[in-house]
Amino acid sequence: MPEQLKPQSSADAQETFSVSKLKMYLRCPAAYYYRYVLGLRPPPTSHQMLGTAIHSAIEFNFRKKIETHEDLPLTEVQEFFTANFNYSKGQVLWEPGENPGKSLDEGVSMVTLYHTEAAPKIMPDLVEQVFHVRFENCRYVFKGIIDLVTADALLIDHKTSSRTPSQESIDKELQATAYSLGLRYMRKTIEKGIAFDYLIRCKTPKIVRFETSRTQADIDHFLQVLGMVMTSVQAGIFYPNSTGQFCTPKNCQFWEECVGGRKFNYAPAQ
């Protein structure tokens, strides 16, 4: 694989690579091995399920808005969220003390907040847009899904969190660079900017928008890192990042299988 990946219009590639895979490998190659090589998929947490249900409700409204140029009635979006939440809650491994009813109420409040304050200001052009970037001499194709692109080419990603992130973390977020790459590759145009709309889960929910941008130099660096990680995965290089901040029982979904790297016994094929 070349030192820097070079996107091209077509290439023979059968396996997909995503920004989620990239971020997991950079966080801990052993976690990548458990998730994507062995295919282990722990049940979602309540926080993950809630975020997914909220995201789906936002998507539901904006897909309709592309056709009608108007937001759906609030009750229709609330009902969509509630049905999605009730369908998904049985798949969650609820922690002691967690209350599904309380989580549902929180979700309805957050959906209501977004729909009444943020959605009216946004006119979507693309919603949940899939892109594929192919490269020269590479077995992988890079796949991503852009949450939303406005009519004036602003990229928007929707997040749910219990904490407000820092601007520094947003400026370093690989997902934003991947979206910029995908839109430029797909539409041969440069985005107006990139925005992260964070729904903060707290006693009184709030929306915080972070704005950032990406240059061609940012994309080139992203491609260099992506190339190195894909090369490492293809070579079967997996090891535990035992000193990382995510190597704890609370933060690692594969802790029981790995226990801080001490049980990790992967041996590359000869």
C-alpha atoms as a PDB file:
ATOM      1  CA  MET A   1       0.000   0.000   0.000  1.00  0.00           C
ATOM      2  CA  PRO A   2       1.386   3.450  -0.810  1.00  0.00           C
ATOM      3  CA  GLU A   3       2.498   5.770   1.984  1.00  0.00           C
ATOM      4  CA  GLN A   4      -0.442   8.037   1.201  1.00  0.00           C
ATOM      5  CA  LEU A   5      -3.677   6.682  -0.200  1.00  0.00           C
ATOM      6  CA  LYS A   6      -4.722   8.142  -3.524  1.00  0.00           C
ATOM      7  CA  PRO A   7      -8.475   8.204  -4.146  1.00  0.00           C
ATOM      8  CA  GLN A   8      -9.613   7.213  -7.613  1.00  0.00           C
ATOM      9  CA  SER A   9     -12.931   6.798  -9.373  1.00  0.00           C
ATOM     10  CA  SER A  10     -12.834   3.005  -9.563  1.00  0.00           C
ATOM     11  CA  ALA A  11     -10.770   0.146  -8.208  1.00  0.00           C
ATOM     12  CA  ASP A  12     -11.099  -3.492  -7.289  1.00  0.00           C
ATOM     13  CA  ALA A  13     -11.935  -3.463  -3.603  1.00  0.00           C
ATOM     14  CA  GLN A  14     -14.119  -5.922  -1.732  1.00  0.00           C
ATOM     15  CA  GLU A  15     -13.677  -5.119   1.955  1.00  0.00           C
ATOM     16  CA  THR A  16     -14.974  -1.965   3.568  1.00  0.00           C
ATOM     17  CA  PHE A  17     -13.233   0.197   6.137  1.00  0.00           C
ATOM     18  CA  SER A  18     -14.977   2.907   8.142  1.00  0.00           C
ATOM     19  CA  VAL A  19     -14.097   5.754  10.459  1.00  0.00           C
ATOM     20  CA  SER A  20     -15.517   3.657  13.336  1.00  0.00           C
ATOM     21  CA  LYS A  21     -13.003   0.916  12.547  1.00  0.00           C
ATOM     22  CA  LEU A  22     -10.223   3.470  12.239  1.00  0.00           C
ATOM     23  CA  LYS A  23     -11.003   5.071  15.595  1.00  0.00           C
ATOM     24  CA  MET A  24     -11.301   1.721  17.365  1.00  0.00           C
ATOM     25  CA  TYR A  25      -7.938   0.526  16.029  1.00  0.00           C
ATOM     26  CA  LEU A  26      -6.258   3.770  17.079  1.00  0.00           C
ATOM     27  CA  ARG A  27      -7.852   3.445  20.524  1.00  0.00           C
ATOM     28  CA  CYS A  28      -6.888  -0.226  20.963  1.00  0.00           C
ATOM     29  CA  PRO A  29      -5.939  -2.760  18.268  1.00  0.00           C
ATOM     30  CA  ALA A  30      -7.015  -5.615  20.563  1.00  0.00           C
ATOM     31  CA  ALA A  31     -10.519  -4.137  20.796  1.00  0.00           C
ATOM     32  CA  TYR A  32     -10.559  -3.968  16.999  1.00  0.00           C
ATOM     33  CA  TYR A  33      -9.635  -7.657  16.884  1.00  0.00           C
ATOM     34  CA  TYR A  34     -12.442  -8.657  19.250  1.00  0.00           C
ATOM     35  CA  ARG A  35     -15.032  -6.543  17.457  1.00  0.00           C
ATOM     36  CA  TYR A  36     -14.203  -6.851  13.783  1.00  0.00           C
ATOM     37  CA  VAL A  37     -12.099 -10.015  13.448  1.00  0.00           C
ATOM     38  CA  LEU A  38     -13.870 -12.254  15.951  1.00  0.00           C
ATOM     39  CA  GLY A  39     -17.158 -10.446  15.390  1.00  0.00           C
ATOM     40  CA  LEU A  40     -18.051 -10.021  19.074  1.00  0.00           C
ATOM     41  CA  ARG A  41     -20.916  -7.575  19.504  1.00  0.00           C
ATOM     42  CA  PRO A  42     -21.839  -6.799  23.120  1.00  0.00           C
ATOM     43  CA  PRO A  43     -25.381  -5.548  23.748  1.00  0.00           C
ATOM     44  CA  PRO A  44     -25.744  -1.774  23.446  1.00  0.00           C
ATOM     45  CA  THR A  45     -25.755   0.358  26.562  1.00  0.00           C
ATOM     46  CA  SER A  46     -28.814   2.423  27.421  1.00  0.00           C
ATOM     47  CA  HIS A  47     -26.912   5.572  26.431  1.00  0.00           C
ATOM     48  CA  GLN A  48     -26.059   4.129  23.013  1.00  0.00           C
ATOM     49  CA  MET A  49     -29.631   2.983  22.397  1.00  0.00           C
ATOM     50  CA  LEU A  50     -31.059   6.357  23.421  1.00  0.00           C
ATOM     51  CA  GLY A  51     -28.660   8.185  21.117  1.00  0.00           C
ATOM     52  CA  THR A  52     -29.551   5.902  18.216  1.00  0.00           C
ATOM     53  CA  ALA A  53     -33.294   6.391  18.763  1.00  0.00           C
ATOM     54  CA  ILE A  54     -32.917  10.183  18.898  1.00  0.00           C
ATOM     55  CA  HIS A  55     -30.743  10.124  15.787  1.00  0.00           C
ATOM     56  CA  SER A  56     -33.374   8.072  13.936  1.00  0.00           C
ATOM     57  CA  ALA A  57     -36.130  10.526  14.878  1.00  0.00           C
ATOM     58  CA  ILE A  58     -34.074  13.459  13.564  1.00  0.00           C
ATOM     59  CA  GLU A  59     -33.391  11.528  10.359  1.00  0.00           C
ATOM     60  CA  PHE A  60     -37.098  10.681  10.001  1.00  0.00           C
ATOM     61  CA  ASN A  61     -38.039  14.360  10.025  1.00  0.00           C
ATOM     62  CA  PHE A  62     -35.311  15.534   7.672  1.00  0.00           C
ATOM     63  CA  ARG A  63     -35.961  12.818   5.084  1.00  0.00           C
ATOM     64  CA  LYS A  64     -39.545  14.062   4.833  1.00  0.00           C
ATOM     65  CA  LYS A  65     -38.375  17.677   4.813  1.00  0.00           C
ATOM     66  CA  ILE A  66     -36.328  17.095   1.651  1.00  0.00           C
ATOM     67  CA  GLU A  67     -39.612  16.322  -0.124  1.00  0.00           C
ATOM     68  CA  THR A  68     -41.928  18.864   1.529  1.00  0.00           C
ATOM     69  CA  HIS A  69     -39.514  21.613   2.675  1.00  0.00           C
ATOM     70  CA  GLU A  70     -41.396  21.603   5.973  1.00  0.00           C
ATOM     71  CA  ASP A  71     -40.781  19.917   9.308  1.00  0.00           C
ATOM     72  CA  LEU A  72     -43.170  17.179  10.361  1.00  0.00           C
ATOM     73  CA  PRO A  73     -45.616  17.870  13.186  1.00  0.00           C
ATOM     74  CA  LEU A  74     -43.877  17.485  16.543  1.00  0.00           C
ATOM     75  CA  THR A  75     -46.266  14.742  17.708  1.00  0.00           C
ATOM     76  CA  GLU A  76     -45.408  12.611  14.675  1.00  0.00           C
ATOM     77  CA  VAL A  77     -41.675  12.801  15.420  1.00  0.00           C
ATOM     78  CA  GLN A  78     -42.266  12.103  19.131  1.00  0.00           C
ATOM     79  CA  GLU A  79     -44.372   9.052  18.272  1.00  0.00           C
ATOM     80  CA  PHE A  80     -41.692   7.789  15.895  1.00  0.00           C
ATOM     81  CA  PHE A  81     -39.046   8.147  18.596  1.00  0.00           C
ATOM     82  CA  THR A  82     -41.209   6.436  21.233  1.00  0.00           C
ATOM     83  CA  ALA A  83     -41.972   3.465  18.974  1.00  0.00           C
ATOM     84  CA  ASN A  84     -38.276   3.094  18.113  1.00  0.00           C
ATOM     85  CA  PHE A  85     -37.254   3.341  21.777  1.00  0.00           C
ATOM     86  CA  ASN A  86     -39.819   0.759  22.917  1.00  0.00           C
ATOM     87  CA  TYR A  87     -38.754  -1.629  20.162  1.00  0.00           C
ATOM     88  CA  SER A  88     -35.050  -1.321  21.035  1.00  0.00           C
ATOM     89  CA  LYS A  89     -35.139  -1.252  24.843  1.00  0.00           C
ATOM     90  CA  GLY A  90     -35.378  -5.040  25.098  1.00  0.00           C
ATOM     91  CA  GLN A  91     -31.995  -5.388  23.390  1.00  0.00           C
ATOM     92  CA  VAL A  92     -30.225  -3.270  26.005  1.00  0.00           C
ATOM     93  CA  LEU A  93     -28.301  -4.607  28.970  1.00  0.00           C
ATOM     94  CA  TRP A  94     -29.707  -2.177  31.539  1.00  0.00           C
ATOM     95  CA  GLU A  95     -27.447  -1.386  34.466  1.00  0.00           C
ATOM     96  CA  PRO A  96     -28.760  -1.575  38.054  1.00  0.00           C
ATOM     97  CA  GLY A  97     -30.567   1.624  38.901  1.00  0.00           C
ATOM     98  CA  GLU A  98     -31.292   2.577  35.294  1.00  0.00           C
ATOM     99  CA  ASN A  99     -34.942   3.300  34.572  1.00  0.00           C
ATOM    100  CA  PRO A 100     -36.222   2.717  31.004  1.00  0.00           C
ATOM    101  CA  GLY A 101     -39.234   4.952  31.645  1.00  0.00           C
ATOM    102  CA  LYS A 102     -37.028   7.829  32.768  1.00  0.00           C
ATOM    103  CA  SER A 103     -34.758   7.354  29.739  1.00  0.00           C
ATOM    104  CA  LEU A 104     -37.790   7.460  27.458  1.00  0.00           C
ATOM    105  CA  ASP A 105     -38.967  10.725  29.013  1.00  0.00           C
ATOM    106  CA  GLU A 106     -35.483  12.215  28.639  1.00  0.00           C
ATOM    107  CA  GLY A 107     -35.403  11.181  25.013  1.00  0.00           C
ATOM    108  CA  VAL A 108     -38.791  12.726  24.265  1.00  0.00           C
ATOM    109  CA  SER A 109     -37.613  15.988  25.838  1.00  0.00           C
ATOM    110  CA  MET A 110     -34.428  16.002  23.753  1.00  0.00           C
ATOM    111  CA  VAL A 111     -36.270  15.197  20.521  1.00  0.00           C
ATOM    112  CA  THR A 112     -38.750  17.968  21.303  1.00  0.00           C
ATOM    113  CA  LEU A 113     -35.967  20.448  21.967  1.00  0.00           C
ATOM    114  CA  TYR A 114     -34.172  19.672  18.718  1.00  0.00           C
ATOM    115  CA  HIS A 115     -37.323  19.653  16.631  1.00  0.00           C
ATOM    116  CA  THR A 116     -38.555  23.007  17.925  1.00  0.00           C
ATOM    117  CA  GLU A 117     -35.251  24.911  18.165  1.00  0.00           C
ATOM    118  CA  ALA A 118     -32.776  23.446  15.677  1.00  0.00           C
ATOM    119  CA  ALA A 119     -34.703  21.705  12.898  1.00  0.00           C
ATOM    120  CA  PRO A 120     -36.609  24.803  11.662  1.00  0.00           C
ATOM    121  CA  LYS A 121     -33.283  26.508  10.852  1.00  0.00           C
ATOM    122  CA  ILE A 122     -32.020  23.634   8.687  1.00  0.00           C
ATOM    123  CA  MET A 123     -32.935  22.886   5.063  1.00  0.00           C
ATOM    124  CA  PRO A 124     -31.512  19.469   4.167  1.00  0.00           C
ATOM    125  CA  ASP A 125     -30.192  18.491   0.767  1.00  0.00           C
ATOM    126  CA  LEU A 126     -28.760  15.080   1.694  1.00  0.00           C
ATOM    127  CA  VAL A 127     -29.718  12.887   4.667  1.00  0.00           C
ATOM    128  CA  GLU A 128     -27.811   9.769   5.779  1.00  0.00           C
ATOM    129  CA  GLN A 129     -25.846   9.895   2.548  1.00  0.00           C
ATOM    130  CA  VAL A 130     -23.625   6.853   1.984  1.00  0.00           C
ATOM    131  CA  PHE A 131     -20.299   7.389   0.247  1.00  0.00           C
ATOM    132  CA  HIS A 132     -17.558   5.028  -0.907  1.00  0.00           C
ATOM    133  CA  VAL A 133     -13.986   6.134  -1.550  1.00  0.00           C
ATOM    134  CA  ARG A 134     -11.816   3.751  -3.533  1.00  0.00           C
ATOM    135  CA  PHE A 135      -8.044   3.814  -3.702  1.00  0.00           C
ATOM    136  CA  GLU A 136      -5.238   2.739  -5.997  1.00  0.00           C
ATOM    137  CA  ASN A 137      -3.648  -0.617  -5.158  1.00  0.00           C
ATOM    138  CA  CYS A 138      -5.771  -1.161  -2.052  1.00  0.00           C
ATOM    139  CA  ARG A 139      -8.072  -4.049  -1.154  1.00  0.00           C
ATOM    140  CA  TYR A 140     -10.273  -1.824   1.009  1.00  0.00           C
ATOM    141  CA  VAL A 141     -12.924   0.691   0.093  1.00  0.00           C
ATOM    142  CA  PHE A 142     -13.575   3.430   2.637  1.00  0.00           C
ATOM    143  CA  LYS A 143     -17.279   3.719   3.454  1.00  0.00           C
ATOM    144  CA  GLY A 144     -19.052   6.390   5.442  1.00  0.00           C
ATOM    145  CA  ILE A 145     -22.485   7.860   6.084  1.00  0.00           C
ATOM    146  CA  ILE A 146     -22.901  11.629   6.296  1.00  0.00           C
ATOM    147  CA  ASP A 147     -25.712  12.595   8.666  1.00  0.00           C
ATOM    148  CA  LEU A 148     -26.846  15.665   6.776  1.00  0.00           C
ATOM    149  CA  VAL A 149     -25.752  18.170   4.161  1.00  0.00           C
ATOM    150  CA  THR A 150     -27.704  21.407   3.932  1.00  0.00           C
ATOM    151  CA  ALA A 151     -28.782  23.131   0.758  1.00  0.00           C
ATOM    152  CA  ASP A 152     -25.813  25.495   1.118  1.00  0.00           C
ATOM    153  CA  ALA A 153     -23.298  22.633   1.594  1.00  0.00           C
ATOM    154  CA  LEU A 154     -22.889  22.694   5.383  1.00  0.00           C
ATOM    155  CA  LEU A 155     -22.080  19.256   6.807  1.00  0.00           C
ATOM    156  CA  ILE A 156     -23.986  18.535  10.048  1.00  0.00           C
ATOM    157  CA  ASP A 157     -23.496  15.616  12.419  1.00  0.00           C
ATOM    158  CA  HIS A 158     -25.855  14.908  15.316  1.00  0.00           C
ATOM    159  CA  LYS A 159     -24.549  13.679  18.659  1.00  0.00           C
ATOM    160  CA  THR A 160     -26.047  12.851  22.050  1.00  0.00           C
ATOM    161  CA  SER A 161     -23.841  13.125  25.119  1.00  0.00           C
ATOM    162  CA  SER A 162     -23.988  13.587  28.869  1.00  0.00           C
ATOM    163  CA  ARG A 163     -21.022  15.975  28.661  1.00  0.00           C
ATOM    164  CA  THR A 164     -20.260  18.986  26.519  1.00  0.00           C
ATOM    165  CA  PRO A 165     -17.114  18.303  24.481  1.00  0.00           C
ATOM    166  CA  SER A 166     -14.309  20.807  23.992  1.00  0.00           C
ATOM    167  CA  GLN A 167     -13.715  22.742  20.814  1.00  0.00           C
ATOM    168  CA  GLU A 168     -10.267  21.140  20.656  1.00  0.00           C
ATOM    169  CA  SER A 169     -11.778  17.657  20.510  1.00  0.00           C
ATOM    170  CA  ILE A 170     -14.124  18.764  17.726  1.00  0.00           C
ATOM    171  CA  ASP A 171     -11.236  20.213  15.724  1.00  0.00           C
ATOM    172  CA  LYS A 172      -9.443  16.862  15.992  1.00  0.00           C
ATOM    173  CA  GLU A 173     -12.494  14.676  15.343  1.00  0.00           C
ATOM    174  CA  LEU A 174     -11.670  12.163  12.595  1.00  0.00           C
ATOM    175  CA  GLN A 175     -15.329  11.763  11.694  1.00  0.00           C
ATOM    176  CA  ALA A 176     -15.447  15.352  10.461  1.00  0.00           C
ATOM    177  CA  THR A 177     -12.412  14.767   8.245  1.00  0.00           C
ATOM    178  CA  ALA A 178     -13.961  11.581   6.873  1.00  0.00           C
ATOM    179  CA  TYR A 179     -17.184  13.425   6.012  1.00  0.00           C
ATOM    180  CA  SER A 180     -15.228  16.186   4.283  1.00  0.00           C
ATOM    181  CA  LEU A 181     -13.314  13.586   2.273  1.00  0.00           C
ATOM    182  CA  GLY A 182     -16.530  11.786   1.360  1.00  0.00           C
ATOM    183  CA  LEU A 183     -18.385  14.874   0.164  1.00  0.00           C
ATOM    184  CA  ARG A 184     -15.441  16.161  -1.862  1.00  0.00           C
ATOM    185  CA  TYR A 185     -14.954  12.741  -3.443  1.00  0.00           C
ATOM    186  CA  MET A 186     -18.658  12.231  -4.120  1.00  0.00           C
ATOM    187  CA  ARG A 187     -19.674  15.695  -5.320  1.00  0.00           C
ATOM    188  CA  LYS A 188     -16.340  17.207  -6.371  1.00  0.00           C
ATOM    189  CA  THR A 189     -17.098  20.212  -4.202  1.00  0.00           C
ATOM    190  CA  ILE A 190     -15.788  21.672  -0.948  1.00  0.00           C
ATOM    191  CA  GLU A 191     -18.200  21.962   1.944  1.00  0.00           C
ATOM    192  CA  LYS A 192     -19.160  25.361   3.352  1.00  0.00           C
ATOM    193  CA  GLY A 193     -18.202  24.132   6.832  1.00  0.00           C
ATOM    194  CA  ILE A 194     -18.775  21.349   9.349  1.00  0.00           C
ATOM    195  CA  ALA A 195     -21.085  21.530  12.360  1.00  0.00           C
ATOM    196  CA  PHE A 196     -21.678  19.143  15.249  1.00  0.00           C
ATOM    197  CA  ASP A 197     -25.059  19.587  16.897  1.00  0.00           C
ATOM    198  CA  TYR A 198     -24.725  18.104  20.391  1.00  0.00           C
ATOM    199  CA  LEU A 199     -27.810  17.264  22.400  1.00  0.00           C
ATOM    200  CA  ILE A 200     -26.557  17.360  25.969  1.00  0.00           C
ATOM    201  CA  ARG A 201     -28.333  14.950  28.278  1.00  0.00           C
ATOM    202  CA  CYS A 202     -28.726  16.732  31.597  1.00  0.00           C
ATOM    203  CA  LYS A 203     -31.467  17.844  33.986  1.00  0.00           C
ATOM    204  CA  THR A 204     -32.459  20.534  31.520  1.00  0.00           C
ATOM    205  CA  PRO A 205     -31.436  19.298  28.034  1.00  0.00           C
ATOM    206  CA  LYS A 206     -29.641  21.746  25.786  1.00  0.00           C
ATOM    207  CA  ILE A 207     -28.301  21.965  22.254  1.00  0.00           C
ATOM    208  CA  VAL A 208     -24.726  23.070  21.675  1.00  0.00           C
ATOM    209  CA  ARG A 209     -23.405  23.604  18.156  1.00  0.00           C
ATOM    210  CA  PHE A 210     -19.701  23.323  17.436  1.00  0.00           C
ATOM    211  CA  GLU A 211     -18.301  24.514  14.127  1.00  0.00           C
ATOM    212  CA  THR A 212     -15.074  23.397  12.541  1.00  0.00           C
ATOM    213  CA  SER A 213     -13.440  23.073   9.137  1.00  0.00           C
ATOM    214  CA  ARG A 214     -11.046  20.846   7.261  1.00  0.00           C
ATOM    215  CA  THR A 215      -8.305  21.710   4.769  1.00  0.00           C
ATOM    216  CA  GLN A 216      -6.820  19.539   2.067  1.00  0.00           C
ATOM    217  CA  ALA A 217      -3.801  19.125   4.364  1.00  0.00           C
ATOM    218  CA  ASP A 218      -6.123  17.680   7.030  1.00  0.00           C
ATOM    219  CA  ILE A 219      -7.523  15.217   4.513  1.00  0.00           C
ATOM    220  CA  ASP A 220      -4.046  14.236   3.302  1.00  0.00           C
ATOM    221  CA  HIS A 221      -2.992  13.525   6.896  1.00  0.00           C
ATOM    222  CA  PHE A 222      -6.173  11.524   7.452  1.00  0.00           C
ATOM    223  CA  LEU A 223      -5.377   9.429   4.373  1.00  0.00           C
ATOM    224  CA  GLN A 224      -1.851   8.779   5.647  1.00  0.00           C
ATOM    225  CA  VAL A 225      -3.156   7.523   8.990  1.00  0.00           C
ATOM    226  CA  LEU A 226      -5.904   5.512   7.307  1.00  0.00           C
ATOM    227  CA  GLY A 227      -3.344   3.875   5.035  1.00  0.00           C
ATOM    228  CA  MET A 228      -1.096   2.912   7.933  1.00  0.00           C
ATOM    229  CA  VAL A 229      -3.974   1.451   9.937  1.00  0.00           C
ATOM    230  CA  MET A 230      -5.354  -0.531   7.003  1.00  0.00           C
ATOM    231  CA  THR A 231      -1.859  -1.875   6.326  1.00  0.00           C
ATOM    232  CA  SER A 232      -1.543  -2.963   9.971  1.00  0.00           C
ATOM    233  CA  VAL A 233      -4.933  -4.679   9.937  1.00  0.00           C
ATOM    234  CA  GLN A 234      -4.111  -6.470   6.699  1.00  0.00           C
ATOM    235  CA  ALA A 235      -0.811  -7.626   8.239  1.00  0.00           C
ATOM    236  CA  GLY A 236      -2.634  -8.961  11.323  1.00  0.00           C
ATOM    237  CA  ILE A 237      -1.037  -6.568  13.789  1.00  0.00           C
ATOM    238  CA  PHE A 238      -3.214  -6.495  16.916  1.00  0.00           C
ATOM    239  CA  TYR A 239      -2.078  -5.708  20.453  1.00  0.00           C
ATOM    240  CA  PRO A 240      -3.726  -4.401  23.637  1.00  0.00           C
ATOM    241  CA  ASN A 241      -3.326  -0.752  24.526  1.00  0.00           C
ATOM    242  CA  SER A 242      -3.188  -1.485  28.242  1.00  0.00           C
ATOM    243  CA  THR A 243      -2.072   2.014  29.209  1.00  0.00           C
ATOM    244  CA  GLY A 244      -4.870   3.793  27.337  1.00  0.00           C
ATOM    245  CA  GLN A 245      -7.628   5.687  29.131  1.00  0.00           C
ATOM    246  CA  PHE A 246     -10.255   3.304  27.745  1.00  0.00           C
ATOM    247  CA  CYS A 247      -8.587   0.205  29.232  1.00  0.00           C
ATOM    248  CA  THR A 248     -10.921  -0.036  32.229  1.00  0.00           C
ATOM    249  CA  PRO A 249     -13.890  -2.293  33.054  1.00  0.00           C
ATOM    250  CA  LYS A 250     -16.250   0.659  32.576  1.00  0.00           C
ATOM    251  CA  ASN A 251     -14.866   1.942  29.291  1.00  0.00           C
ATOM    252  CA  CYS A 252     -13.988  -1.267  27.421  1.00  0.00           C
ATOM    253  CA  GLN A 253     -16.769  -3.471  26.126  1.00  0.00           C
ATOM    254  CA  PHE A 254     -14.327  -6.381  25.805  1.00  0.00           C
ATOM    255  CA  TRP A 255     -12.868  -6.165  29.306  1.00  0.00           C
ATOM    256  CA  GLU A 256     -13.980  -9.650  30.348  1.00  0.00           C
ATOM    257  CA  GLU A 257     -12.339 -11.190  27.294  1.00  0.00           C
ATOM    258  CA  CYS A 258      -9.131  -9.200  27.653  1.00  0.00           C
ATOM    259  CA  VAL A 259      -8.813  -7.958  31.280  1.00  0.00           C
ATOM    260  CA  GLY A 260      -6.385  -5.183  30.529  1.00  0.00           C
ATOM    261  CA  GLY A 261      -4.488  -7.161  27.914  1.00  0.00           C
ATOM    262  CA  ARG A 262      -3.437  -9.964  30.220  1.00  0.00           C
ATOM    263  CA  LYS A 263      -5.799 -12.491  28.599  1.00  0.00           C
ATOM    264  CA  PHE A 264      -5.183 -11.335  25.046  1.00  0.00           C
ATOM    265  CA  ASN A 265      -3.480 -14.243  23.293  1.00  0.00           C
ATOM    266  CA  TYR A 266      -3.760 -13.442  19.599  1.00  0.00           C
ATOM    267  CA  ALA A 267      -0.939 -14.916  17.538  1.00  0.00           C
ATOM    268  CA  PRO A 268      -0.491 -13.767  13.918  1.00  0.00           C
ATOM    269  CA  ALA A 269      -0.699 -16.488  11.304  1.00  0.00           C
ATOM    270  CA  GLN A 270       2.679 -17.685  10.074  1.00  0.00           C
END
